[in-house]
C-alpha atoms as a PDB file:
ATOM      1  CA  MET A   1       9.379  -7.935  15.712  1.00  0.00           C
ATOM      2  CA  THR A   2       8.166  -4.553  14.461  1.00  0.00           C
ATOM      3  CA  LYS A   3       4.483  -4.329  13.616  1.00  0.00           C
ATOM      4  CA  GLN A   4       3.835  -3.897   9.889  1.00  0.00           C
ATOM      5  CA  LEU A   5       1.825  -0.811   9.065  1.00  0.00           C
ATOM      6  CA  LEU A   6       0.783  -1.718   5.531  1.00  0.00           C
ATOM      7  CA  HIS A   7      -0.006   1.019   3.003  1.00  0.00           C
ATOM      8  CA  LEU A   8      -1.411   0.674  -0.521  1.00  0.00           C
ATOM      9  CA  VAL A   9      -0.484   3.137  -3.271  1.00  0.00           C
ATOM     10  CA  PHE A  10      -2.826   3.328  -6.255  1.00  0.00           C
ATOM     11  CA  GLY A  11      -4.109   5.845  -8.744  1.00  0.00           C
ATOM     12  CA  GLY A  12      -6.145   6.515 -11.803  1.00  0.00           C
ATOM     13  CA  GLU A  13      -7.791   9.140 -13.932  1.00  0.00           C
ATOM     14  CA  LEU A  14     -10.761  10.895 -12.348  1.00  0.00           C
ATOM     15  CA  GLU A  15     -14.000  11.689 -14.178  1.00  0.00           C
ATOM     16  CA  ASN A  16     -13.788  15.286 -12.948  1.00  0.00           C
ATOM     17  CA  LEU A  17     -11.780  17.345 -10.469  1.00  0.00           C
ATOM     18  CA  GLU A  18     -14.564  17.766  -7.903  1.00  0.00           C
ATOM     19  CA  ASP A  19     -15.059  14.101  -6.952  1.00  0.00           C
ATOM     20  CA  VAL A  20     -13.078  10.926  -6.443  1.00  0.00           C
ATOM     21  CA  ASN A  21     -14.836   8.908  -9.128  1.00  0.00           C
ATOM     22  CA  PHE A  22     -12.484   7.084 -11.438  1.00  0.00           C
ATOM     23  CA  LYS A  23     -13.029   7.252 -15.185  1.00  0.00           C
ATOM     24  CA  ASP A  24     -12.143   3.563 -15.709  1.00  0.00           C
ATOM     25  CA  LEU A  25     -11.864   1.180 -12.736  1.00  0.00           C
ATOM     26  CA  SER A  26     -10.243  -1.476 -14.902  1.00  0.00           C
ATOM     27  CA  GLY A  27      -7.476   1.002 -15.671  1.00  0.00           C
ATOM     28  CA  LEU A  28      -6.484   1.708 -12.070  1.00  0.00           C
ATOM     29  CA  ASP A  29      -2.752   1.672 -11.437  1.00  0.00           C
ATOM     30  CA  LEU A  30      -2.236  -0.581  -8.405  1.00  0.00           C
ATOM     31  CA  VAL A  31       1.312   0.471  -7.626  1.00  0.00           C
ATOM     32  CA  GLY A  32       1.931  -1.732  -4.605  1.00  0.00           C
ATOM     33  CA  VAL A  33       1.755  -2.404  -0.876  1.00  0.00           C
ATOM     34  CA  TYR A  34       4.464  -0.991   1.379  1.00  0.00           C
ATOM     35  CA  PRO A  35       5.457  -1.807   4.979  1.00  0.00           C
ATOM     36  CA  ASN A  36       5.342   1.772   6.262  1.00  0.00           C
ATOM     37  CA  TYR A  37       4.107   5.241   5.363  1.00  0.00           C
ATOM     38  CA  ALA A  38       7.549   6.618   4.485  1.00  0.00           C
ATOM     39  CA  GLU A  39       8.107   4.051   1.718  1.00  0.00           C
ATOM     40  CA  ALA A  40       4.556   4.493   0.428  1.00  0.00           C
ATOM     41  CA  GLU A  41       4.953   8.264   0.358  1.00  0.00           C
ATOM     42  CA  THR A  42       8.188   8.038  -1.637  1.00  0.00           C
ATOM     43  CA  VAL A  43       6.489   5.929  -4.305  1.00  0.00           C
ATOM     44  CA  TRP A  44       3.345   8.089  -4.230  1.00  0.00           C
ATOM     45  CA  ARG A  45       5.401  11.248  -4.829  1.00  0.00           C
ATOM     46  CA  ALA A  46       7.208   9.667  -7.778  1.00  0.00           C
ATOM     47  CA  LYS A  47       3.963   8.493  -9.409  1.00  0.00           C
ATOM     48  CA  ALA A  48       2.237  11.847  -8.804  1.00  0.00           C
ATOM     49  CA  GLN A  49       5.186  13.752 -10.260  1.00  0.00           C
ATOM     50  CA  ALA A  50       5.317  11.480 -13.314  1.00  0.00           C
ATOM     51  CA  THR A  51       1.671  12.275 -14.122  1.00  0.00           C
ATOM     52  CA  VAL A  52       1.702  15.990 -13.260  1.00  0.00           C
ATOM     53  CA  ASP A  53       0.747  16.946 -16.841  1.00  0.00           C
ATOM     54  CA  ASN A  54      -2.629  15.172 -16.510  1.00  0.00           C
ATOM     55  CA  ALA A  55      -4.750  17.206 -14.071  1.00  0.00           C
ATOM     56  CA  ARG A  56      -7.259  14.363 -13.683  1.00  0.00           C
ATOM     57  CA  MET A  57      -4.692  11.739 -12.735  1.00  0.00           C
ATOM     58  CA  ARG A  58      -4.520  11.193  -8.978  1.00  0.00           C
ATOM     59  CA  TYR A  59      -2.595   8.834  -6.737  1.00  0.00           C
ATOM     60  CA  PHE A  60      -3.578   7.912  -3.193  1.00  0.00           C
ATOM     61  CA  ILE A  61      -2.132   6.219  -0.128  1.00  0.00           C
ATOM     62  CA  VAL A  62      -4.527   3.904   1.719  1.00  0.00           C
ATOM     63  CA  HIS A  63      -3.674   2.966   5.302  1.00  0.00           C
ATOM     64  CA  LEU A  64      -4.406  -0.761   5.036  1.00  0.00           C
ATOM     65  CA  HIS A  65      -3.343  -1.367   8.633  1.00  0.00           C
ATOM     66  CA  ARG A  66      -6.254   0.813   9.775  1.00  0.00           C
ATOM     67  CA  LEU A  67      -8.695  -1.253   7.715  1.00  0.00           C
ATOM     68  CA  LEU A  68      -7.274  -4.532   9.034  1.00  0.00           C
ATOM     69  CA  ASP A  69      -7.283  -3.365  12.663  1.00  0.00           C
ATOM     70  CA  PRO A  70      -9.729  -0.413  12.979  1.00  0.00           C
ATOM     71  CA  ASP A  71      -9.600  -0.411  16.797  1.00  0.00           C
ATOM     72  CA  GLY A  72      -5.805  -0.393  16.829  1.00  0.00           C
ATOM     73  CA  ASP A  73      -5.748  -3.077  19.502  1.00  0.00           C
ATOM     74  CA  GLY A  74      -3.768  -5.622  17.457  1.00  0.00           C
ATOM     75  CA  LYS A  75      -6.726  -8.038  17.321  1.00  0.00           C
ATOM     76  CA  PHE A  76      -8.310  -8.974  14.026  1.00  0.00           C
END
């Protein structure tokens, strides 16, 4: 069985372009969780492209597998 390397894609409007502080946390777009980086990147690119007219809108990929297993030893 292949190890899942979970990735979260989410985004929202930033307060300003210098920091990663979201204007409205309740308005975050939680796009989804994906089993590998390639799938997450495909979705991230689509969401980023769809919001290109809003300079403050940003989407991110979070490596959930690194948060779940920070040592990378497969033990939780």
